[in-house]
Amino acid sequence: MEVYLQSLLVTSADEFDYIVSKDGKGDFNTVQAAIDAVPDMRKETTRILIKNGVYKEKLVLPASKTNVTFIGENPEKTIITFDDYASKKNEFGEEIGTSGSSGFYVFGNGFTAQNITFSNTAGPVGQAVAVRVDGDKVIFENCRFLGFQDTLYPHGDRSRQYYKNCYIEGTTDFIFGWSTAVFENCEIFSKEGGHYITAASTKEETDYGFVFLNCKLTGNAPENSVYLGRPWRDYAQTVFINCELGRHIKPEGWHNWSKPEAEKTAFYAEYNSSGPGANKSERVKWSHQLSSKEASQYSLTEVFDGWGPNERLEKLPR
């Protein structure tokens, strides 16, 4: 499986509504200033070019800022970062908590990000979120998500999210939350010191939770030390289809979070796993190996209830 991330060619500044640049040669010096300038409830797409640089900002994309697109110049050189963490105290002496630790809050529907790194640099200090996503029909393409515990938080329970050709790293529960999220052609990197990739909290009435399609699970965690997931809430859903699993994946695959009752309600499944971590015969008995017919129900159209994210991606500058 090839490395996915690549620089995307930005052909002309005329293709963008705003330009953010650290050198003062754009419309704004900060990403938040560009967000604030977007008209509320805009139906058309607002395209924001973010030039290479490190933007240390705690960002909020409000629900009123709809159909916003961020396009970076290079996924390794266009970096949006912050360093809050859950046990950090606010001005009232209260811990800010997991949600409070996020470096970027995405509340606006129709958001797209391409060719950008989102990182939380707090280090191994407990929960420290890089991005929390609540908006619906959100896309990340060719992006990187860097952190340790709780890196990426697909939070909205009615939110549909699509991650394509992305790189996501962390230690424990570094992809976690309520949303319906598809990860396609992504690299999922487990860092040493962690033991769980996902912690879904899918609601009982939600049809799909986390779906990984054609992904590669890599890492520097020791051999047989990492679970594919554990149920944050009892009806957690996580499925891996046509994925390559590294040696760090434990033979049993899944953990019940010391909640035996969740074994009856959570849905953990695989189809056509490959690689040294694909120990199908040794998986916990309460997980599932899908048939080809069952796996076919995990197309983007089915999972996203008719929404086709690639239609939007085809319209972006290349």
C-alpha atoms as a PDB file:
ATOM      1  CA  MET A   1       0.000   0.000   0.000  1.00  0.00           C
ATOM      2  CA  GLU A   2       1.432   3.357  -1.012  1.00  0.00           C
ATOM      3  CA  VAL A   3       1.911   6.450   1.109  1.00  0.00           C
ATOM      4  CA  TYR A   4      -1.158   8.569   0.478  1.00  0.00           C
ATOM      5  CA  LEU A   5      -0.201  12.130   1.336  1.00  0.00           C
ATOM      6  CA  GLN A   6       1.064  14.385  -1.390  1.00  0.00           C
ATOM      7  CA  SER A   7       1.269  18.058  -2.185  1.00  0.00           C
ATOM      8  CA  LEU A   8      -1.740  19.318  -4.095  1.00  0.00           C
ATOM      9  CA  LEU A   9      -1.086  21.782  -6.873  1.00  0.00           C
ATOM     10  CA  VAL A  10      -2.556  25.210  -6.228  1.00  0.00           C
ATOM     11  CA  THR A  11      -3.004  26.585  -9.712  1.00  0.00           C
ATOM     12  CA  SER A  12      -4.162  30.157  -9.179  1.00  0.00           C
ATOM     13  CA  ALA A  13      -4.960  32.498  -6.304  1.00  0.00           C
ATOM     14  CA  ASP A  14      -8.011  33.572  -8.307  1.00  0.00           C
ATOM     15  CA  GLU A  15      -9.634  30.249  -7.431  1.00  0.00           C
ATOM     16  CA  PHE A  16      -9.926  31.280  -3.779  1.00  0.00           C
ATOM     17  CA  ASP A  17     -12.098  33.760  -1.910  1.00  0.00           C
ATOM     18  CA  TYR A  18      -9.555  34.440   0.841  1.00  0.00           C
ATOM     19  CA  ILE A  19      -5.853  33.766   1.324  1.00  0.00           C
ATOM     20  CA  VAL A  20      -4.251  33.247   4.734  1.00  0.00           C
ATOM     21  CA  SER A  21      -0.495  33.799   4.909  1.00  0.00           C
ATOM     22  CA  LYS A  22       1.930  34.230   7.805  1.00  0.00           C
ATOM     23  CA  ASP A  23       4.027  36.711   5.819  1.00  0.00           C
ATOM     24  CA  GLY A  24       1.285  39.326   5.601  1.00  0.00           C
ATOM     25  CA  LYS A  25       0.895  38.945   1.842  1.00  0.00           C
ATOM     26  CA  GLY A  26      -2.549  37.367   2.030  1.00  0.00           C
ATOM     27  CA  ASP A  27      -5.945  38.700   3.058  1.00  0.00           C
ATOM     28  CA  PHE A  28      -5.409  37.521   6.645  1.00  0.00           C
ATOM     29  CA  ASN A  29      -2.510  36.513   8.883  1.00  0.00           C
ATOM     30  CA  THR A  30      -4.585  34.050  10.929  1.00  0.00           C
ATOM     31  CA  VAL A  31      -6.999  31.282  10.055  1.00  0.00           C
ATOM     32  CA  GLN A  32      -9.596  32.440  12.589  1.00  0.00           C
ATOM     33  CA  ALA A  33      -9.735  35.891  10.988  1.00  0.00           C
ATOM     34  CA  ALA A  34     -10.580  34.248   7.655  1.00  0.00           C
ATOM     35  CA  ILE A  35     -13.298  32.147   9.293  1.00  0.00           C
ATOM     36  CA  ASP A  36     -14.802  35.226  10.930  1.00  0.00           C
ATOM     37  CA  ALA A  37     -14.968  36.991   7.552  1.00  0.00           C
ATOM     38  CA  VAL A  38     -17.118  34.285   5.939  1.00  0.00           C
ATOM     39  CA  PRO A  39     -20.746  35.431   5.546  1.00  0.00           C
ATOM     40  CA  ASP A  40     -23.133  33.585   7.837  1.00  0.00           C
ATOM     41  CA  MET A  41     -25.240  30.758   6.378  1.00  0.00           C
ATOM     42  CA  ARG A  42     -23.674  31.096   2.931  1.00  0.00           C
ATOM     43  CA  LYS A  43     -25.042  28.532   0.483  1.00  0.00           C
ATOM     44  CA  GLU A  44     -22.126  28.757  -1.930  1.00  0.00           C
ATOM     45  CA  THR A  45     -18.661  27.435  -1.078  1.00  0.00           C
ATOM     46  CA  THR A  46     -16.149  29.830   0.487  1.00  0.00           C
ATOM     47  CA  ARG A  47     -12.665  28.676  -0.518  1.00  0.00           C
ATOM     48  CA  ILE A  48      -9.809  29.669   1.761  1.00  0.00           C
ATOM     49  CA  LEU A  49      -6.203  29.062   0.697  1.00  0.00           C
ATOM     50  CA  ILE A  50      -3.908  28.576   3.686  1.00  0.00           C
ATOM     51  CA  LYS A  51      -0.285  29.054   2.714  1.00  0.00           C
ATOM     52  CA  ASN A  52       2.564  27.090   4.248  1.00  0.00           C
ATOM     53  CA  GLY A  53       3.339  27.951   7.845  1.00  0.00           C
ATOM     54  CA  VAL A  54       2.611  26.962  11.440  1.00  0.00           C
ATOM     55  CA  TYR A  55      -0.633  28.520  12.669  1.00  0.00           C
ATOM     56  CA  LYS A  56      -0.843  28.117  16.443  1.00  0.00           C
ATOM     57  CA  GLU A  57      -4.487  28.946  16.986  1.00  0.00           C
ATOM     58  CA  LYS A  58      -7.427  27.519  18.903  1.00  0.00           C
ATOM     59  CA  LEU A  59      -9.985  27.623  16.106  1.00  0.00           C
ATOM     60  CA  VAL A  60     -13.770  27.606  16.069  1.00  0.00           C
ATOM     61  CA  LEU A  61     -15.783  27.203  12.877  1.00  0.00           C
ATOM     62  CA  PRO A  62     -19.272  28.246  14.107  1.00  0.00           C
ATOM     63  CA  ALA A  63     -22.465  26.566  12.953  1.00  0.00           C
ATOM     64  CA  SER A  64     -23.309  29.765  11.061  1.00  0.00           C
ATOM     65  CA  LYS A  65     -20.219  29.382   8.828  1.00  0.00           C
ATOM     66  CA  THR A  66     -21.498  26.837   6.336  1.00  0.00           C
ATOM     67  CA  ASN A  67     -19.812  25.351   3.247  1.00  0.00           C
ATOM     68  CA  VAL A  68     -16.310  26.537   4.136  1.00  0.00           C
ATOM     69  CA  THR A  69     -13.319  24.899   2.457  1.00  0.00           C
ATOM     70  CA  PHE A  70      -9.707  25.079   3.697  1.00  0.00           C
ATOM     71  CA  ILE A  71      -7.017  24.217   1.153  1.00  0.00           C
ATOM     72  CA  GLY A  72      -3.403  24.085   2.271  1.00  0.00           C
ATOM     73  CA  GLU A  73      -0.319  24.183   0.093  1.00  0.00           C
ATOM     74  CA  ASN A  74       1.335  21.080   1.548  1.00  0.00           C
ATOM     75  CA  PRO A  75       0.094  18.598   4.172  1.00  0.00           C
ATOM     76  CA  GLU A  76       3.443  18.595   5.980  1.00  0.00           C
ATOM     77  CA  LYS A  77       4.079  22.344   5.801  1.00  0.00           C
ATOM     78  CA  THR A  78       0.599  23.815   6.310  1.00  0.00           C
ATOM     79  CA  ILE A  79       0.096  23.162  10.022  1.00  0.00           C
ATOM     80  CA  ILE A  80      -2.752  24.180  12.327  1.00  0.00           C
ATOM     81  CA  THR A  81      -1.845  23.376  15.910  1.00  0.00           C
ATOM     82  CA  PHE A  82      -2.578  23.974  19.573  1.00  0.00           C
ATOM     83  CA  ASP A  83      -1.535  22.369  22.871  1.00  0.00           C
ATOM     84  CA  ASP A  84      -4.465  22.266  25.308  1.00  0.00           C
ATOM     85  CA  TYR A  85      -5.174  19.082  27.287  1.00  0.00           C
ATOM     86  CA  ALA A  86      -8.044  17.800  29.419  1.00  0.00           C
ATOM     87  CA  SER A  87      -6.501  18.343  32.865  1.00  0.00           C
ATOM     88  CA  LYS A  88      -5.397  21.895  32.084  1.00  0.00           C
ATOM     89  CA  LYS A  89      -7.113  24.493  34.305  1.00  0.00           C
ATOM     90  CA  ASN A  90      -9.123  27.429  33.004  1.00  0.00           C
ATOM     91  CA  GLU A  91      -9.183  30.860  34.631  1.00  0.00           C
ATOM     92  CA  PHE A  92     -11.657  29.610  37.244  1.00  0.00           C
ATOM     93  CA  GLY A  93      -9.398  26.734  38.278  1.00  0.00           C
ATOM     94  CA  GLU A  94     -11.574  24.128  36.549  1.00  0.00           C
ATOM     95  CA  GLU A  95     -10.235  21.380  34.302  1.00  0.00           C
ATOM     96  CA  ILE A  96     -11.142  22.142  30.693  1.00  0.00           C
ATOM     97  CA  GLY A  97     -11.934  18.480  29.970  1.00  0.00           C
ATOM     98  CA  THR A  98     -11.585  16.419  26.814  1.00  0.00           C
ATOM     99  CA  SER A  99     -13.881  18.566  24.681  1.00  0.00           C
ATOM    100  CA  GLY A 100     -12.272  21.717  26.012  1.00  0.00           C
ATOM    101  CA  SER A 101      -8.855  20.492  24.887  1.00  0.00           C
ATOM    102  CA  SER A 102      -9.640  20.561  21.165  1.00  0.00           C
ATOM    103  CA  GLY A 103      -7.497  22.753  18.958  1.00  0.00           C
ATOM    104  CA  PHE A 104     -10.171  23.043  16.255  1.00  0.00           C
ATOM    105  CA  TYR A 105     -13.956  22.876  16.640  1.00  0.00           C
ATOM    106  CA  VAL A 106     -15.905  22.199  13.449  1.00  0.00           C
ATOM    107  CA  PHE A 107     -19.582  23.073  13.970  1.00  0.00           C
ATOM    108  CA  GLY A 108     -20.401  24.337  10.463  1.00  0.00           C
ATOM    109  CA  ASN A 109     -22.060  21.978   7.983  1.00  0.00           C
ATOM    110  CA  GLY A 110     -20.425  21.297   4.637  1.00  0.00           C
ATOM    111  CA  PHE A 111     -16.857  21.911   5.820  1.00  0.00           C
ATOM    112  CA  THR A 112     -13.955  20.578   3.749  1.00  0.00           C
ATOM    113  CA  ALA A 113     -10.228  20.536   4.517  1.00  0.00           C
ATOM    114  CA  GLN A 114      -7.521  19.458   2.122  1.00  0.00           C
ATOM    115  CA  ASN A 115      -3.751  19.236   2.349  1.00  0.00           C
ATOM    116  CA  ILE A 116      -3.383  20.357   5.998  1.00  0.00           C
ATOM    117  CA  THR A 117      -1.877  19.013   9.237  1.00  0.00           C
ATOM    118  CA  PHE A 118      -3.970  19.349  12.388  1.00  0.00           C
ATOM    119  CA  SER A 119      -2.002  18.643  15.552  1.00  0.00           C
ATOM    120  CA  ASN A 120      -2.213  18.754  19.305  1.00  0.00           C
ATOM    121  CA  THR A 121       1.310  19.116  20.693  1.00  0.00           C
ATOM    122  CA  ALA A 122       0.481  18.753  24.401  1.00  0.00           C
ATOM    123  CA  GLY A 123       2.221  15.360  24.369  1.00  0.00           C
ATOM    124  CA  PRO A 124       1.405  12.227  26.406  1.00  0.00           C
ATOM    125  CA  VAL A 125      -0.497  14.066  29.148  1.00  0.00           C
ATOM    126  CA  GLY A 126      -3.873  12.367  28.833  1.00  0.00           C
ATOM    127  CA  GLN A 127      -6.728  13.430  26.571  1.00  0.00           C
ATOM    128  CA  ALA A 128      -5.645  16.118  24.102  1.00  0.00           C
ATOM    129  CA  VAL A 129      -7.841  16.563  21.023  1.00  0.00           C
ATOM    130  CA  ALA A 130      -6.553  17.955  17.730  1.00  0.00           C
ATOM    131  CA  VAL A 131      -9.948  18.259  15.986  1.00  0.00           C
ATOM    132  CA  ARG A 132     -13.539  17.857  17.192  1.00  0.00           C
ATOM    133  CA  VAL A 133     -16.187  17.633  14.466  1.00  0.00           C
ATOM    134  CA  ASP A 134     -19.921  18.232  14.981  1.00  0.00           C
ATOM    135  CA  GLY A 135     -21.006  19.552  11.578  1.00  0.00           C
ATOM    136  CA  ASP A 136     -22.712  17.362   8.984  1.00  0.00           C
ATOM    137  CA  LYS A 137     -21.270  16.417   5.578  1.00  0.00           C
ATOM    138  CA  VAL A 138     -17.682  17.159   6.575  1.00  0.00           C
ATOM    139  CA  ILE A 139     -14.705  16.063   4.456  1.00  0.00           C
ATOM    140  CA  PHE A 140     -10.984  15.818   5.137  1.00  0.00           C
ATOM    141  CA  GLU A 141      -8.792  14.831   2.201  1.00  0.00           C
ATOM    142  CA  ASN A 142      -5.029  14.446   2.207  1.00  0.00           C
ATOM    143  CA  CYS A 143      -4.806  15.693   5.797  1.00  0.00           C
ATOM    144  CA  ARG A 144      -2.779  14.648   8.828  1.00  0.00           C
ATOM    145  CA  PHE A 145      -4.035  14.388  12.421  1.00  0.00           C
ATOM    146  CA  LEU A 146      -1.254  14.244  15.015  1.00  0.00           C
ATOM    147  CA  GLY A 147      -1.480  13.650  18.741  1.00  0.00           C
ATOM    148  CA  PHE A 148      -1.433  11.053  21.479  1.00  0.00           C
ATOM    149  CA  GLN A 149      -4.631  10.157  23.390  1.00  0.00           C
ATOM    150  CA  ASP A 150      -7.949  11.212  21.822  1.00  0.00           C
ATOM    151  CA  THR A 151      -6.456  12.808  18.706  1.00  0.00           C
ATOM    152  CA  LEU A 152      -9.569  12.893  16.490  1.00  0.00           C
ATOM    153  CA  TYR A 153     -13.059  13.393  17.900  1.00  0.00           C
ATOM    154  CA  PRO A 154     -15.951  12.772  15.462  1.00  0.00           C
ATOM    155  CA  HIS A 155     -18.399  14.113  18.027  1.00  0.00           C
ATOM    156  CA  GLY A 156     -21.770  14.978  16.486  1.00  0.00           C
ATOM    157  CA  ASP A 157     -24.215  12.097  16.795  1.00  0.00           C
ATOM    158  CA  ARG A 158     -26.008  13.191  13.602  1.00  0.00           C
ATOM    159  CA  SER A 159     -22.802  14.046  11.782  1.00  0.00           C
ATOM    160  CA  ARG A 160     -21.536  12.335   8.618  1.00  0.00           C
ATOM    161  CA  GLN A 161     -17.796  12.614   8.030  1.00  0.00           C
ATOM    162  CA  TYR A 162     -15.479  11.401   5.261  1.00  0.00           C
ATOM    163  CA  TYR A 163     -11.714  11.054   5.634  1.00  0.00           C
ATOM    164  CA  LYS A 164      -9.909  10.253   2.394  1.00  0.00           C
ATOM    165  CA  ASN A 165      -6.181   9.639   1.943  1.00  0.00           C
ATOM    166  CA  CYS A 166      -5.469  10.870   5.464  1.00  0.00           C
ATOM    167  CA  TYR A 167      -2.871  10.014   8.116  1.00  0.00           C
ATOM    168  CA  ILE A 168      -4.074   9.692  11.720  1.00  0.00           C
ATOM    169  CA  GLU A 169      -1.817   8.908  14.663  1.00  0.00           C
ATOM    170  CA  GLY A 170      -2.148   8.504  18.397  1.00  0.00           C
ATOM    171  CA  THR A 171      -1.878   6.208  21.391  1.00  0.00           C
ATOM    172  CA  THR A 172      -5.170   5.426  23.137  1.00  0.00           C
ATOM    173  CA  ASP A 173      -8.707   5.872  21.771  1.00  0.00           C
ATOM    174  CA  PHE A 174      -7.260   8.243  19.192  1.00  0.00           C
ATOM    175  CA  ILE A 175     -10.343   7.982  16.968  1.00  0.00           C
ATOM    176  CA  PHE A 176     -13.390   8.243  19.212  1.00  0.00           C
ATOM    177  CA  GLY A 177     -16.937   9.571  19.314  1.00  0.00           C
ATOM    178  CA  TRP A 178     -20.574   9.335  18.228  1.00  0.00           C
ATOM    179  CA  SER A 179     -20.458  10.246  14.537  1.00  0.00           C
ATOM    180  CA  THR A 180     -20.842   8.196  11.392  1.00  0.00           C
ATOM    181  CA  ALA A 181     -17.369   8.428   9.869  1.00  0.00           C
ATOM    182  CA  VAL A 182     -15.751   6.683   6.905  1.00  0.00           C
ATOM    183  CA  PHE A 183     -11.969   6.464   6.619  1.00  0.00           C
ATOM    184  CA  GLU A 184     -10.911   5.487   3.091  1.00  0.00           C
ATOM    185  CA  ASN A 185      -7.336   4.821   1.941  1.00  0.00           C
ATOM    186  CA  CYS A 186      -6.012   6.185   5.232  1.00  0.00           C
ATOM    187  CA  GLU A 187      -2.961   5.275   7.305  1.00  0.00           C
ATOM    188  CA  ILE A 188      -3.782   4.709  10.977  1.00  0.00           C
ATOM    189  CA  PHE A 189      -0.576   4.856  13.034  1.00  0.00           C
ATOM    190  CA  SER A 190      -0.482   3.505  16.598  1.00  0.00           C
ATOM    191  CA  LYS A 191       2.235   5.171  18.654  1.00  0.00           C
ATOM    192  CA  GLU A 192       4.122   3.356  21.369  1.00  0.00           C
ATOM    193  CA  GLY A 193       2.425   3.654  24.742  1.00  0.00           C
ATOM    194  CA  GLY A 194      -1.134   3.163  23.546  1.00  0.00           C
ATOM    195  CA  HIS A 195      -3.364   0.103  23.337  1.00  0.00           C
ATOM    196  CA  TYR A 196      -6.622   1.064  21.573  1.00  0.00           C
ATOM    197  CA  ILE A 197      -7.250   2.620  18.160  1.00  0.00           C
ATOM    198  CA  THR A 198     -10.971   3.378  18.305  1.00  0.00           C
ATOM    199  CA  ALA A 199     -13.510   4.117  21.022  1.00  0.00           C
ATOM    200  CA  ALA A 200     -16.836   4.521  19.280  1.00  0.00           C
ATOM    201  CA  SER A 201     -19.896   5.677  21.191  1.00  0.00           C
ATOM    202  CA  THR A 202     -22.459   5.032  18.472  1.00  0.00           C
ATOM    203  CA  LYS A 203     -26.076   5.513  19.520  1.00  0.00           C
ATOM    204  CA  GLU A 204     -28.462   2.559  19.364  1.00  0.00           C
ATOM    205  CA  GLU A 205     -30.590   4.234  16.684  1.00  0.00           C
ATOM    206  CA  THR A 206     -27.598   5.114  14.440  1.00  0.00           C
ATOM    207  CA  ASP A 207     -27.141   2.743  11.508  1.00  0.00           C
ATOM    208  CA  TYR A 208     -23.374   3.121  11.060  1.00  0.00           C
ATOM    209  CA  GLY A 209     -20.480   4.134  13.297  1.00  0.00           C
ATOM    210  CA  PHE A 210     -16.821   4.085  12.188  1.00  0.00           C
ATOM    211  CA  VAL A 211     -16.027   2.404   8.862  1.00  0.00           C
ATOM    212  CA  PHE A 212     -12.479   1.860   7.610  1.00  0.00           C
ATOM    213  CA  LEU A 213     -12.156   1.057   3.891  1.00  0.00           C
ATOM    214  CA  ASN A 214      -8.861  -0.021   2.289  1.00  0.00           C
ATOM    215  CA  CYS A 215      -6.819   1.418   5.151  1.00  0.00           C
ATOM    216  CA  LYS A 216      -3.362   0.509   6.404  1.00  0.00           C
ATOM    217  CA  LEU A 217      -2.822   0.082  10.141  1.00  0.00           C
ATOM    218  CA  THR A 218       0.795   0.794  11.017  1.00  0.00           C
ATOM    219  CA  GLY A 219       2.690   1.868  14.123  1.00  0.00           C
ATOM    220  CA  ASN A 220       5.720   1.687  16.353  1.00  0.00           C
ATOM    221  CA  ALA A 221       3.754   0.070  19.181  1.00  0.00           C
ATOM    222  CA  PRO A 222       5.083  -3.369  20.201  1.00  0.00           C
ATOM    223  CA  GLU A 223       3.886  -6.530  18.484  1.00  0.00           C
ATOM    224  CA  ASN A 224       0.484  -7.796  19.675  1.00  0.00           C
ATOM    225  CA  SER A 225      -0.147  -4.761  21.892  1.00  0.00           C
ATOM    226  CA  VAL A 226      -2.983  -2.778  20.260  1.00  0.00           C
ATOM    227  CA  TYR A 227      -6.720  -3.482  20.062  1.00  0.00           C
ATOM    228  CA  LEU A 228      -8.767  -2.372  17.049  1.00  0.00           C
ATOM    229  CA  GLY A 229     -11.300  -0.844  19.387  1.00  0.00           C
ATOM    230  CA  ARG A 230     -13.277  -0.801  22.598  1.00  0.00           C
ATOM    231  CA  PRO A 231     -16.852   0.405  23.228  1.00  0.00           C
ATOM    232  CA  TRP A 232     -16.988   3.824  24.850  1.00  0.00           C
ATOM    233  CA  ARG A 233     -20.769   3.364  24.781  1.00  0.00           C
ATOM    234  CA  ASP A 234     -22.547   0.019  24.646  1.00  0.00           C
ATOM    235  CA  TYR A 235     -23.785   0.234  21.030  1.00  0.00           C
ATOM    236  CA  ALA A 236     -20.411   1.109  19.528  1.00  0.00           C
ATOM    237  CA  GLN A 237     -19.989   0.196  15.853  1.00  0.00           C
ATOM    238  CA  THR A 238     -16.620  -0.151  14.129  1.00  0.00           C
ATOM    239  CA  VAL A 239     -15.927  -2.068  10.906  1.00  0.00           C
ATOM    240  CA  PHE A 240     -12.707  -2.676   8.970  1.00  0.00           C
ATOM    241  CA  ILE A 241     -13.072  -3.678   5.294  1.00  0.00           C
ATOM    242  CA  ASN A 242     -10.155  -4.646   3.039  1.00  0.00           C
ATOM    243  CA  CYS A 243      -7.616  -3.270   5.505  1.00  0.00           C
ATOM    244  CA  GLU A 244      -3.987  -4.239   6.036  1.00  0.00           C
ATOM    245  CA  LEU A 245      -3.223  -4.788   9.716  1.00  0.00           C
ATOM    246  CA  GLY A 246       0.293  -4.578  11.142  1.00  0.00           C
ATOM    247  CA  ARG A 247       2.002  -6.784  13.731  1.00  0.00           C
ATOM    248  CA  HIS A 248       0.984  -4.445  16.538  1.00  0.00           C
ATOM    249  CA  ILE A 249      -2.657  -5.580  16.352  1.00  0.00           C
ATOM    250  CA  LYS A 250      -3.587  -8.071  19.078  1.00  0.00           C
ATOM    251  CA  PRO A 251      -4.880 -11.462  17.892  1.00  0.00           C
ATOM    252  CA  GLU A 252      -8.134 -11.065  19.828  1.00  0.00           C
ATOM    253  CA  GLY A 253      -8.747  -7.780  18.018  1.00  0.00           C
ATOM    254  CA  TRP A 254     -11.324  -6.177  20.309  1.00  0.00           C
ATOM    255  CA  HIS A 255     -11.765  -5.324  23.992  1.00  0.00           C
ATOM    256  CA  ASN A 256     -15.042  -5.005  25.914  1.00  0.00           C
ATOM    257  CA  TRP A 257     -13.801  -2.155  28.198  1.00  0.00           C
ATOM    258  CA  SER A 258     -14.565  -4.470  31.151  1.00  0.00           C
ATOM    259  CA  LYS A 259     -18.251  -4.270  30.233  1.00  0.00           C
ATOM    260  CA  PRO A 260     -19.446  -7.822  29.417  1.00  0.00           C
ATOM    261  CA  GLU A 261     -22.914  -6.495  28.621  1.00  0.00           C
ATOM    262  CA  ALA A 262     -21.459  -4.485  25.727  1.00  0.00           C
ATOM    263  CA  GLU A 263     -20.488  -7.725  24.001  1.00  0.00           C
ATOM    264  CA  LYS A 264     -24.184  -8.206  23.213  1.00  0.00           C
ATOM    265  CA  THR A 265     -24.820  -4.696  21.871  1.00  0.00           C
ATOM    266  CA  ALA A 266     -21.595  -3.451  20.263  1.00  0.00           C
ATOM    267  CA  PHE A 267     -20.950  -4.377  16.624  1.00  0.00           C
ATOM    268  CA  TYR A 268     -17.306  -4.978  15.747  1.00  0.00           C
ATOM    269  CA  ALA A 269     -16.558  -6.542  12.394  1.00  0.00           C
ATOM    270  CA  GLU A 270     -13.990  -7.123   9.652  1.00  0.00           C
ATOM    271  CA  TYR A 271     -13.986  -8.208   6.057  1.00  0.00           C
ATOM    272  CA  ASN A 272     -10.993  -9.431   4.081  1.00  0.00           C
ATOM    273  CA  SER A 273      -8.383  -8.203   6.549  1.00  0.00           C
ATOM    274  CA  SER A 274      -4.794  -8.876   5.511  1.00  0.00           C
ATOM    275  CA  GLY A 275      -1.331  -8.538   6.995  1.00  0.00           C
ATOM    276  CA  PRO A 276       0.259 -10.005  10.126  1.00  0.00           C
ATOM    277  CA  GLY A 277      -2.452  -8.542  12.375  1.00  0.00           C
ATOM    278  CA  ALA A 278      -5.293 -10.279  10.548  1.00  0.00           C
ATOM    279  CA  ASN A 279      -5.703 -13.214  12.935  1.00  0.00           C
ATOM    280  CA  LYS A 280      -9.288 -14.024  12.045  1.00  0.00           C
ATOM    281  CA  SER A 281      -9.402 -17.367  13.868  1.00  0.00           C
ATOM    282  CA  GLU A 282      -8.234 -15.795  17.145  1.00  0.00           C
ATOM    283  CA  ARG A 283     -10.650 -12.868  17.292  1.00  0.00           C
ATOM    284  CA  VAL A 284     -13.001 -12.561  20.265  1.00  0.00           C
ATOM    285  CA  LYS A 285     -16.113 -14.654  19.703  1.00  0.00           C
ATOM    286  CA  TRP A 286     -18.467 -11.687  19.967  1.00  0.00           C
ATOM    287  CA  SER A 287     -16.911  -9.924  16.936  1.00  0.00           C
ATOM    288  CA  HIS A 288     -17.920 -10.652  13.336  1.00  0.00           C
ATOM    289  CA  GLN A 289     -16.314 -11.662  10.062  1.00  0.00           C
ATOM    290  CA  LEU A 290     -18.563 -10.238   7.341  1.00  0.00           C
ATOM    291  CA  SER A 291     -19.644 -12.057   4.222  1.00  0.00           C
ATOM    292  CA  SER A 292     -19.121 -10.376   0.857  1.00  0.00           C
ATOM    293  CA  LYS A 293     -22.832  -9.571   0.752  1.00  0.00           C
ATOM    294  CA  GLU A 294     -22.703  -7.967   4.200  1.00  0.00           C
ATOM    295  CA  ALA A 295     -19.564  -6.005   3.285  1.00  0.00           C
ATOM    296  CA  SER A 296     -21.311  -4.582   0.221  1.00  0.00           C
ATOM    297  CA  GLN A 297     -23.657  -2.705   2.543  1.00  0.00           C
ATOM    298  CA  TYR A 298     -20.766  -0.413   3.512  1.00  0.00           C
ATOM    299  CA  SER A 299     -20.612   1.638   0.332  1.00  0.00           C
ATOM    300  CA  LEU A 300     -20.393   5.400   0.783  1.00  0.00           C
ATOM    301  CA  THR A 301     -23.943   5.808  -0.487  1.00  0.00           C
ATOM    302  CA  GLU A 302     -25.305   3.351   2.055  1.00  0.00           C
ATOM    303  CA  VAL A 303     -23.302   4.571   5.024  1.00  0.00           C
ATOM    304  CA  PHE A 304     -23.973   8.249   4.304  1.00  0.00           C
ATOM    305  CA  ASP A 305     -27.659   7.782   3.461  1.00  0.00           C
ATOM    306  CA  GLY A 306     -27.338   9.073  -0.094  1.00  0.00           C
ATOM    307  CA  TRP A 307     -24.702  11.783   0.423  1.00  0.00           C
ATOM    308  CA  GLY A 308     -21.839  11.511  -2.084  1.00  0.00           C
ATOM    309  CA  PRO A 309     -18.732  13.325  -0.732  1.00  0.00           C
ATOM    310  CA  ASN A 310     -16.653  12.721  -3.850  1.00  0.00           C
ATOM    311  CA  GLU A 311     -18.964  14.985  -5.848  1.00  0.00           C
ATOM    312  CA  ARG A 312     -17.696  17.916  -3.782  1.00  0.00           C
ATOM    313  CA  LEU A 313     -14.067  16.823  -3.976  1.00  0.00           C
ATOM    314  CA  GLU A 314     -14.201  16.707  -7.768  1.00  0.00           C
ATOM    315  CA  LYS A 315     -14.951  20.443  -7.833  1.00  0.00           C
ATOM    316  CA  LEU A 316     -11.912  21.486  -5.787  1.00  0.00           C
ATOM    317  CA  PRO A 317      -8.792  23.010  -7.393  1.00  0.00           C
ATOM    318  CA  ARG A 318      -6.158  20.460  -8.344  1.00  0.00           C
END
